[in-house]
Amino acid sequence: MTRVSTNMTNDDMQYYLQLRNSEMNNLQNQMAEGTKIKDLRDDPVSAAHSVKYLSKINRLNRFSENIDTIMSENRIAESYMVSANNIIHRVRELAIQGGNDTFTKFEKNIMADEVNQLLNELISIANAKTSDGTSMFAGDKTQSDAYRVLSSRVPGSLNKVITDVQYSGSINPIQAEISESSYMDAGFSGNRVFWAEQQQIISNRDAQNFVVTADSKFRIDNDYISIKAGDNIHTIIARINSSDAAVKASLDPVQNSIVIESTAAHEIWLEDSESGRILKDLGLISEIGHPPNNIARDAEIGGGSLFDMVIDLRDQLYAGNTINIGGSSLKGLTLGQDNLISSIALLGSHEERLKTVKERLNSEIPETIAQNSREVDLDMTKAITDLKMLEYTQKASMQVAGRILQPTLLDFLR
C-alpha cells in the first residue's frame, strides 16, 4: 500500500530524474573516453579480458622491437664480417704470392708489412662497437673490448708488432626474446667467429688411475657436466662425449692423459665449478686465471685463431720461409676464412627467421588490438542514439513533472 502525501509525487519524480541524469552522465563519460568500461565494475568479465589482451599487445610490441634491433645490429655485424673476409682474401693472395720463390726476401718483407697492417685492421674489426658503444664480438661482456693484444719485436720488423691476440670476452652471446619463450642470439662470441682450426688440449698428467672423490661438475663451453663420486677417467670421458658440448674427449695412449678436442672450429671453454677441481686435477686448467686463458701451463694446445694464422704468415714472410708460407700458413688462413664465411651465412639464416617472425607479429598485433577493441571500445553510433533517447525522455519527464506537481494534498480532500 502506497502512502499518499504531498512529497510523494515530488520525491518519485526527483528520484527518476536523477537516475536519468546519472545514466546520461555515465554515457557522456563513456563517449568522451571512447570506452564502455569506465570502472571495472561496469563489465568485470570484459575488463579481465582486456587486461590480458593489453598485456599481450605490450609483449608483442616488445618482441617486434627486439627483432628490429637484432636485424639492425646483425646487418652492421655482417658488414664488419664481410670486411674481415675481404681482408683475409687479400692476405691469402699475399700468402700465395709469398709461397713462390720468384720473389726476393726484400719483396717478401714488403708483403709482411702489408699483412701486418691488415692484421691491425682485422683486430679493429674484432673490437668493433655497436651504435650504443657496446662490444659487438665480446659475447655478453659488452662493456670491454673483445680482444686484447700483446706486442713485441720480431725478426725482420723495424718496429714492435702484434705477436699475440687474446680473447677477453665471453662465450655466452646476449639473447633476446622474439616470441613467446623463443629466444635468438643478439650478439656474437669472437672466439667462434674469428677462429680457424680445431682446438686440441692435451693434459700432461697421467689420469689412468684418476677417481673422483666427491660429487662435482665442470663446464665445457656452455654445458655443465655432472660427475659422481667414484667415477673414473673413462666415465668422465663418456660423460663429456655424451654432452651437448661441441668437443670430444679421449685418453692419450702414450701418456694416459685426457685429451679434449673441438668438433667445430672454436676456442674451448673449460671451467671448474666453485666447489670442484676435476679439470684442475686432470691437468687441463690452472689454479689461476679465467677461461679461455686458464689452460694449464704444462698442457699442450693445438689449433689457433684467425689472428694466429695471420701472425704466423707475417712472421714466415719476414723469415722468407717459402715452404711454410705456401703450406701451413695458407692452410690455416683457408680454414679461418671458411669459418668466417660460415658465420656470415649463419647471419643470413637468422635474417630469414627474423623476417618470418616479424611477418607473423605484424598480423598478430592488429588482430589482438581488434580483440581488445571488441571488449572495451564503445559503439559510438549506438551511444549517440542512446544519449538522444535519454535526452528526449528527460525532456519529456520534466514537461510531465511540471504538470503533475501543480496539485497539493488539499486537492485530494475535495
Protein backbone atom coordinates (compact mmCIF):
# COMPACT_ATOMS: atom_id res chain seq x y z
CA MET A 1 0.00 0.00 0.00
CA THR A 2 1.41 3.38 -1.04
CA ARG A 3 1.07 6.26 1.34
CA VAL A 4 -0.34 9.37 -0.28
CA SER A 5 1.42 12.57 0.76
CA THR A 6 2.34 15.94 -0.65
CA ASN A 7 6.00 14.95 -1.15
CA MET A 8 5.37 11.52 -2.65
CA THR A 9 4.98 12.63 -6.24
CA ASN A 10 7.85 15.10 -5.95
CA ASP A 11 10.19 12.53 -4.40
CA ASP A 12 9.42 9.93 -7.05
CA MET A 13 9.86 12.43 -9.82
CA GLN A 14 13.16 13.70 -8.37
CA TYR A 15 14.45 10.11 -7.99
CA TYR A 16 13.79 9.15 -11.59
CA LEU A 17 15.08 12.46 -12.96
CA GLN A 18 18.37 12.00 -11.03
CA LEU A 19 18.58 8.40 -12.25
CA ARG A 20 18.14 9.60 -15.81
CA ASN A 21 20.79 12.32 -15.28
CA SER A 22 23.17 9.68 -13.89
CA GLU A 23 22.64 7.49 -16.94
CA MET A 24 23.24 10.45 -19.25
CA ASN A 25 26.35 11.46 -17.35
CA ASN A 26 27.74 7.92 -17.46
CA LEU A 27 27.08 7.64 -21.19
CA GLN A 28 28.67 11.03 -21.89
CA ASN A 29 31.78 9.99 -19.95
CA GLN A 30 31.98 6.77 -21.96
CA MET A 31 31.68 8.74 -25.20
CA ALA A 32 34.38 11.17 -24.06
CA GLU A 33 36.82 8.32 -23.26
CA GLY A 34 35.75 6.14 -26.17
CA THR A 35 35.33 3.09 -23.95
CA LYS A 36 32.37 1.34 -22.42
CA ILE A 37 34.39 0.36 -19.32
CA LYS A 38 34.99 3.44 -17.22
CA ASP A 39 35.23 1.46 -13.99
CA LEU A 40 35.98 -2.23 -13.58
CA ARG A 41 32.53 -2.80 -12.13
CA ASP A 42 30.97 -1.66 -15.41
CA ASP A 43 31.86 -5.03 -17.01
CA PRO A 44 34.20 -7.22 -14.90
CA VAL A 45 34.45 -10.00 -17.50
CA SER A 46 35.34 -7.71 -20.40
CA ALA A 47 37.75 -5.80 -18.15
CA ALA A 48 39.58 -9.02 -17.26
CA HIS A 49 39.81 -10.00 -20.93
CA SER A 50 41.06 -6.52 -21.80
CA VAL A 51 43.87 -6.74 -19.23
CA LYS A 52 45.07 -9.98 -20.86
CA TYR A 53 44.84 -8.51 -24.35
CA LEU A 54 46.71 -5.33 -23.38
CA SER A 55 49.45 -7.39 -21.72
CA LYS A 56 49.79 -9.50 -24.85
CA ILE A 57 49.87 -6.42 -27.09
CA ASN A 58 52.70 -4.96 -24.99
CA ARG A 59 54.66 -8.22 -25.24
CA LEU A 60 54.10 -8.48 -28.98
CA ASN A 61 55.27 -4.89 -29.47
CA ARG A 62 58.38 -5.66 -27.39
CA PHE A 63 59.08 -8.74 -29.50
CA SER A 64 58.75 -6.64 -32.64
CA GLU A 65 61.17 -4.03 -31.25
CA ASN A 66 63.64 -6.78 -30.29
CA ILE A 67 63.50 -8.15 -33.82
CA ASP A 68 64.11 -4.71 -35.33
CA THR A 69 67.10 -4.22 -33.03
CA ILE A 70 68.59 -7.65 -33.79
CA MET A 71 68.12 -7.24 -37.53
CA SER A 72 69.74 -3.80 -37.48
CA GLU A 73 72.73 -4.95 -35.42
CA ASN A 74 73.10 -8.13 -37.48
CA ARG A 75 73.34 -6.08 -40.66
CA ILE A 76 76.03 -3.91 -39.10
CA ALA A 77 77.87 -7.02 -37.87
CA GLU A 78 77.56 -8.57 -41.32
CA SER A 79 79.25 -5.55 -42.88
CA TYR A 80 82.14 -5.95 -40.43
CA MET A 81 82.40 -9.68 -41.14
CA VAL A 82 82.36 -9.07 -44.89
CA SER A 83 85.12 -6.51 -44.44
CA ALA A 84 87.10 -9.07 -42.40
CA ASN A 85 86.56 -11.65 -45.14
CA ASN A 86 87.88 -9.20 -47.72
CA ILE A 87 90.97 -8.70 -45.57
CA ILE A 88 91.55 -12.45 -45.29
CA HIS A 89 91.05 -12.77 -49.04
CA ARG A 90 93.82 -10.24 -49.60
CA VAL A 91 96.05 -11.95 -47.02
CA ARG A 92 95.58 -15.27 -48.80
CA GLU A 93 96.60 -13.64 -52.08
CA LEU A 94 99.79 -12.44 -50.40
CA ALA A 95 100.34 -15.94 -49.00
CA ILE A 96 100.05 -17.44 -52.48
CA GLN A 97 102.43 -14.86 -53.89
CA GLY A 98 104.86 -15.26 -51.00
CA GLY A 99 104.87 -19.02 -51.46
CA ASN A 100 106.70 -18.51 -54.75
CA ASP A 101 110.50 -18.33 -54.81
CA THR A 102 110.43 -15.83 -57.66
CA PHE A 103 110.06 -13.08 -55.03
CA THR A 104 113.13 -11.93 -53.17
CA LYS A 105 113.37 -11.71 -49.39
CA PHE A 106 113.10 -7.92 -49.61
CA GLU A 107 109.86 -8.23 -51.56
CA LYS A 108 108.52 -10.72 -49.03
CA ASN A 109 109.32 -8.24 -46.26
CA ILE A 110 107.16 -5.70 -48.09
CA MET A 111 104.38 -8.29 -48.24
CA ALA A 112 104.85 -8.91 -44.49
CA ASP A 113 104.44 -5.19 -43.78
CA GLU A 114 101.15 -5.21 -45.68
CA VAL A 115 99.99 -8.31 -43.82
CA ASN A 116 100.85 -6.59 -40.55
CA GLN A 117 98.70 -3.58 -41.45
CA LEU A 118 95.84 -5.86 -42.47
CA LEU A 119 96.21 -7.65 -39.11
CA ASN A 120 95.79 -4.34 -37.28
CA GLU A 121 92.60 -3.64 -39.21
CA LEU A 122 91.33 -7.17 -38.57
CA ILE A 123 91.74 -6.64 -34.82
CA SER A 124 89.93 -3.28 -35.10
CA ILE A 125 87.02 -5.11 -36.71
CA ALA A 126 87.02 -7.76 -33.96
CA ASN A 127 86.87 -4.96 -31.34
CA ALA A 128 84.08 -3.13 -33.17
CA LYS A 129 81.38 -1.35 -31.16
CA THR A 130 77.66 -1.10 -31.78
CA SER A 131 75.85 2.23 -32.04
CA ASP A 132 75.36 2.31 -28.26
CA GLY A 133 79.06 1.72 -27.58
CA THR A 134 78.94 -1.96 -26.59
CA SER A 135 81.33 -4.55 -27.94
CA MET A 136 79.93 -6.45 -30.90
CA PHE A 137 82.02 -9.64 -30.67
CA ALA A 138 82.56 -9.98 -26.91
CA GLY A 139 79.54 -12.14 -26.05
CA ASP A 140 77.71 -10.78 -23.01
CA LYS A 141 80.78 -8.87 -21.75
CA THR A 142 79.72 -5.88 -23.79
CA GLN A 143 81.46 -3.17 -21.77
CA SER A 144 85.02 -4.22 -22.65
CA ASP A 145 86.97 -4.95 -25.81
CA ALA A 146 86.59 -8.45 -27.21
CA TYR A 147 90.35 -8.85 -27.72
CA ARG A 148 93.49 -7.58 -26.08
CA VAL A 149 96.79 -7.60 -27.93
CA LEU A 150 100.40 -8.08 -26.96
CA SER A 151 103.21 -6.50 -28.97
CA SER A 152 106.93 -7.12 -29.26
CA ARG A 153 109.69 -7.13 -31.85
CA VAL A 154 110.07 -9.96 -34.34
CA PRO A 155 112.99 -10.63 -36.69
CA GLY A 156 112.60 -8.61 -39.85
CA SER A 157 110.37 -5.91 -38.37
CA LEU A 158 111.68 -2.43 -37.67
CA ASN A 159 109.07 -1.65 -35.02
CA LYS A 160 107.04 -3.53 -32.45
CA VAL A 161 104.25 -5.59 -33.97
CA ILE A 162 101.35 -7.60 -32.60
CA THR A 163 102.57 -11.03 -31.51
CA ASP A 164 99.58 -12.38 -29.57
CA VAL A 165 95.83 -11.74 -29.59
CA GLN A 166 93.84 -12.98 -26.58
CA TYR A 167 90.08 -13.21 -26.32
CA SER A 168 88.76 -11.40 -23.23
CA GLY A 169 85.06 -11.67 -23.95
CA SER A 170 82.51 -14.32 -23.07
CA ILE A 171 81.25 -17.45 -24.74
CA ASN A 172 77.65 -16.52 -23.89
CA PRO A 173 76.06 -14.27 -26.52
CA ILE A 174 73.30 -11.89 -25.49
CA GLN A 175 69.87 -13.33 -26.18
CA ALA A 176 66.62 -11.54 -26.93
CA GLU A 177 63.09 -12.90 -26.87
CA ILE A 178 61.47 -12.69 -30.30
CA SER A 179 58.24 -14.55 -29.48
CA GLU A 180 56.72 -16.38 -26.54
CA SER A 181 59.54 -18.43 -24.92
CA SER A 182 61.55 -18.24 -28.15
CA TYR A 183 64.99 -16.62 -27.99
CA MET A 184 67.66 -15.71 -30.51
CA ASP A 185 71.27 -14.62 -30.14
CA ALA A 186 71.60 -10.85 -30.30
CA GLY A 187 75.39 -10.80 -30.17
CA PHE A 188 78.45 -12.79 -31.13
CA SER A 189 81.26 -14.62 -29.40
CA GLY A 190 84.51 -13.64 -31.04
CA ASN A 191 86.23 -16.90 -30.14
CA ARG A 192 83.85 -18.62 -32.57
CA VAL A 193 83.63 -16.04 -35.35
CA PHE A 194 87.37 -15.37 -35.56
CA TRP A 195 88.63 -18.89 -35.03
CA ALA A 196 90.40 -21.04 -37.60
CA GLU A 197 91.42 -24.56 -36.61
CA GLN A 198 90.00 -27.28 -34.41
CA GLN A 199 91.47 -26.75 -30.95
CA GLN A 200 93.08 -29.61 -29.07
CA ILE A 201 94.11 -29.57 -25.40
CA ILE A 202 96.32 -32.42 -24.21
CA SER A 203 96.96 -32.80 -20.49
CA ASN A 204 100.44 -33.75 -19.34
CA ARG A 205 99.17 -35.61 -16.28
CA ASP A 206 98.64 -39.39 -16.04
CA ALA A 207 94.91 -39.93 -15.44
CA GLN A 208 94.73 -43.72 -15.76
CA ASN A 209 94.07 -44.19 -12.03
CA PHE A 210 92.11 -40.97 -11.53
CA VAL A 211 88.97 -41.39 -9.35
CA VAL A 212 86.52 -38.65 -8.35
CA THR A 213 86.30 -38.32 -4.56
CA ALA A 214 83.12 -36.22 -4.33
CA ASP A 215 80.16 -35.23 -6.46
CA SER A 216 81.07 -32.27 -8.62
CA LYS A 217 80.59 -30.68 -12.00
CA PHE A 218 82.55 -28.68 -14.53
CA ARG A 219 81.82 -26.59 -17.58
CA ILE A 220 82.85 -27.18 -21.17
CA ASP A 221 81.68 -24.37 -23.43
CA ASN A 222 78.04 -23.77 -22.43
CA ASP A 223 77.40 -27.21 -20.93
CA TYR A 224 77.74 -28.23 -17.30
CA ILE A 225 78.76 -31.87 -16.87
CA SER A 226 77.95 -33.56 -13.57
CA ILE A 227 80.33 -36.15 -12.15
CA LYS A 228 79.60 -38.57 -9.29
CA ALA A 229 81.93 -39.74 -6.55
CA GLY A 230 83.72 -42.90 -7.62
CA ASP A 231 83.72 -42.10 -11.35
CA ASN A 232 86.98 -42.89 -13.11
CA ILE A 233 88.59 -41.25 -16.13
CA HIS A 234 86.70 -43.46 -18.59
CA THR A 235 83.35 -42.43 -17.05
CA ILE A 236 84.35 -38.76 -17.23
CA ILE A 237 85.29 -39.15 -20.91
CA ALA A 238 81.96 -40.87 -21.60
CA ARG A 239 80.03 -38.08 -19.90
CA ILE A 240 81.89 -35.43 -21.90
CA ASN A 241 81.23 -37.22 -25.18
CA SER A 242 77.53 -37.64 -24.38
CA SER A 243 77.09 -33.96 -23.55
CA ASP A 244 75.92 -31.25 -25.98
CA ALA A 245 79.33 -29.54 -25.99
CA ALA A 246 81.00 -29.40 -29.41
CA VAL A 247 84.01 -31.37 -28.17
CA LYS A 248 85.16 -34.97 -27.90
CA ALA A 249 87.34 -36.43 -25.18
CA SER A 250 89.75 -39.34 -25.30
CA LEU A 251 92.64 -40.87 -23.42
CA ASP A 252 96.10 -40.40 -24.86
CA PRO A 253 97.53 -43.91 -25.47
CA VAL A 254 101.07 -42.84 -24.66
CA GLN A 255 100.77 -40.57 -21.61
CA ASN A 256 97.40 -41.89 -20.37
CA SER A 257 96.32 -38.26 -20.10
CA ILE A 258 92.97 -36.79 -21.10
CA VAL A 259 92.63 -35.09 -24.47
CA ILE A 260 89.88 -32.57 -25.30
CA GLU A 261 89.35 -31.71 -28.96
CA SER A 262 86.73 -29.43 -30.52
CA THR A 263 84.40 -30.82 -33.18
CA ALA A 264 83.63 -27.35 -34.58
CA ALA A 265 86.07 -24.50 -35.03
CA HIS A 266 86.05 -22.55 -31.78
CA GLU A 267 88.14 -21.91 -28.68
CA ILE A 268 87.27 -24.44 -25.98
CA TRP A 269 85.95 -23.00 -22.73
CA LEU A 270 86.97 -25.01 -19.63
CA GLU A 271 85.94 -24.13 -16.10
CA ASP A 272 85.51 -25.98 -12.80
CA SER A 273 82.55 -25.34 -10.54
CA GLU A 274 83.17 -23.21 -7.45
CA SER A 275 83.43 -26.26 -5.19
CA GLY A 276 85.07 -28.63 -7.69
CA ARG A 277 88.52 -29.08 -9.16
CA ILE A 278 88.21 -32.03 -11.53
CA LEU A 279 89.68 -30.20 -14.55
CA LYS A 280 92.50 -28.85 -12.38
CA ASP A 281 93.33 -32.30 -11.03
CA LEU A 282 93.30 -33.68 -14.57
CA GLY A 283 95.88 -31.07 -15.57
CA LEU A 284 93.68 -29.26 -18.10
CA ILE A 285 93.36 -25.86 -16.40
CA SER A 286 95.50 -23.92 -13.95
CA GLU A 287 94.71 -22.75 -10.44
CA ILE A 288 94.50 -19.12 -11.53
CA GLY A 289 93.08 -17.26 -14.48
CA HIS A 290 89.74 -17.18 -16.23
CA PRO A 291 88.66 -19.04 -19.36
CA PRO A 292 89.68 -19.20 -22.09
CA ASN A 293 93.10 -18.07 -20.85
CA ASN A 294 93.31 -20.54 -17.95
CA ILE A 295 94.80 -23.59 -19.68
CA ALA A 296 97.43 -25.35 -17.56
CA ARG A 297 100.98 -24.32 -18.44
CA ASP A 298 102.20 -27.88 -18.91
CA ALA A 299 99.22 -28.79 -21.14
CA GLU A 300 99.76 -28.86 -24.90
CA ILE A 301 97.46 -26.70 -27.00
CA GLY A 302 96.87 -27.16 -30.72
CA GLY A 303 94.82 -25.09 -33.14
CA GLY A 304 94.66 -21.33 -33.36
CA SER A 305 92.54 -18.32 -34.15
CA LEU A 306 92.33 -16.39 -37.40
CA PHE A 307 94.71 -13.84 -35.88
CA ASP A 308 97.23 -16.58 -35.12
CA MET A 309 97.14 -17.60 -38.78
CA VAL A 310 97.76 -14.04 -39.98
CA ILE A 311 100.54 -13.52 -37.42
CA ASP A 312 102.17 -16.78 -38.49
CA LEU A 313 102.05 -15.76 -42.16
CA ARG A 314 103.58 -12.37 -41.41
CA ASP A 315 106.43 -13.93 -39.42
CA GLN A 316 107.05 -16.52 -42.15
CA LEU A 317 107.19 -13.74 -44.76
CA TYR A 318 109.68 -11.83 -42.63
CA ALA A 319 111.76 -15.01 -42.33
CA GLY A 320 111.40 -15.76 -46.05
CA ASN A 321 110.28 -19.34 -45.32
CA THR A 322 108.67 -20.18 -48.65
CA ILE A 323 107.57 -23.71 -47.77
CA ASN A 324 105.64 -22.68 -44.66
CA ILE A 325 104.15 -19.64 -46.39
CA GLY A 326 102.53 -21.72 -49.09
CA GLY A 327 101.85 -24.65 -46.76
CA SER A 328 100.72 -24.42 -43.13
CA SER A 329 100.14 -20.65 -43.20
CA LEU A 330 97.95 -20.76 -46.27
CA LYS A 331 96.05 -23.77 -44.92
CA GLY A 332 95.31 -22.01 -41.63
CA LEU A 333 94.08 -18.90 -43.43
CA THR A 334 91.79 -21.01 -45.62
CA LEU A 335 90.27 -22.71 -42.56
CA GLY A 336 89.77 -19.37 -40.84
CA GLN A 337 88.12 -17.85 -43.88
CA ASP A 338 85.82 -20.86 -44.21
CA ASN A 339 84.73 -20.43 -40.58
CA LEU A 340 84.20 -16.70 -41.11
CA ILE A 341 82.07 -17.33 -44.19
CA SER A 342 80.03 -19.85 -42.18
CA SER A 343 79.35 -17.14 -39.59
CA ILE A 344 78.21 -14.76 -42.34
CA ALA A 345 75.95 -17.49 -43.75
CA LEU A 346 74.50 -18.07 -40.27
CA LEU A 347 73.57 -14.39 -40.14
CA GLY A 348 71.63 -14.88 -43.37
CA SER A 349 69.64 -17.76 -41.87
CA HIS A 350 68.94 -15.64 -38.77
CA GLU A 351 67.69 -12.86 -41.03
CA GLU A 352 65.19 -15.17 -42.73
CA ARG A 353 63.88 -16.46 -39.42
CA LEU A 354 63.52 -12.94 -38.03
CA LYS A 355 61.64 -11.85 -41.15
CA THR A 356 59.23 -14.77 -40.75
CA VAL A 357 58.56 -13.96 -37.10
CA LYS A 358 58.20 -10.26 -37.93
CA GLU A 359 55.54 -11.00 -40.56
CA ARG A 360 53.62 -13.12 -38.06
CA LEU A 361 53.79 -10.37 -35.44
CA ASN A 362 52.62 -7.78 -37.97
CA SER A 363 49.43 -9.79 -38.46
CA GLU A 364 49.02 -10.88 -34.83
CA ILE A 365 49.31 -7.43 -33.28
CA PRO A 366 46.36 -5.88 -35.23
CA GLU A 367 44.21 -8.94 -34.52
CA THR A 368 44.92 -8.73 -30.79
CA ILE A 369 44.16 -5.00 -30.83
CA ALA A 370 40.86 -5.78 -32.58
CA GLN A 371 40.01 -8.40 -29.93
CA ASN A 372 40.63 -5.85 -27.17
CA SER A 373 38.60 -3.27 -29.07
CA ARG A 374 35.61 -5.60 -29.19
CA GLU A 375 35.78 -5.94 -25.41
CA VAL A 376 36.19 -2.32 -24.35
CA ASP A 377 35.52 0.06 -27.22
CA LEU A 378 32.26 1.93 -27.29
CA ASP A 379 29.86 1.57 -30.20
CA MET A 380 29.66 5.29 -30.93
CA THR A 381 26.60 5.04 -33.18
CA LYS A 382 24.63 3.17 -30.53
CA ALA A 383 25.90 5.50 -27.80
CA ILE A 384 24.75 8.61 -29.68
CA THR A 385 21.35 7.06 -30.29
CA ASP A 386 21.01 6.08 -26.61
CA LEU A 387 22.07 9.56 -25.49
CA LYS A 388 19.48 11.21 -27.74
CA MET A 389 16.81 8.87 -26.35
CA LEU A 390 17.83 9.75 -22.80
CA GLU A 391 17.74 13.47 -23.59
CA TYR A 392 14.31 13.05 -25.16
CA THR A 393 12.91 11.10 -22.20
CA GLN A 394 14.44 13.57 -19.74
CA LYS A 395 12.84 16.48 -21.54
CA ALA A 396 9.51 14.68 -21.64
CA SER A 397 9.78 13.76 -17.95
CA MET A 398 10.43 17.37 -16.95
CA GLN A 399 7.46 18.56 -19.01
CA VAL A 400 5.22 15.98 -17.39
CA ALA A 401 6.59 16.82 -13.95
CA GLY A 402 5.69 20.47 -14.46
CA ARG A 403 2.08 19.50 -14.97
CA ILE A 404 1.80 16.79 -12.31
CA LEU A 405 3.47 18.68 -9.48
CA GLN A 406 0.94 21.55 -9.54
CA PRO A 407 -1.72 19.94 -7.22
CA THR A 408 -1.28 19.79 -3.43
CA LEU A 409 -2.70 17.50 -0.71
CA LEU A 410 -5.68 19.77 -0.28
CA ASP A 411 -6.76 18.92 -3.83
CA PHE A 412 -7.40 15.32 -2.66
CA LEU A 413 -9.73 16.45 0.19
CA ARG A 414 -12.42 17.86 -2.06
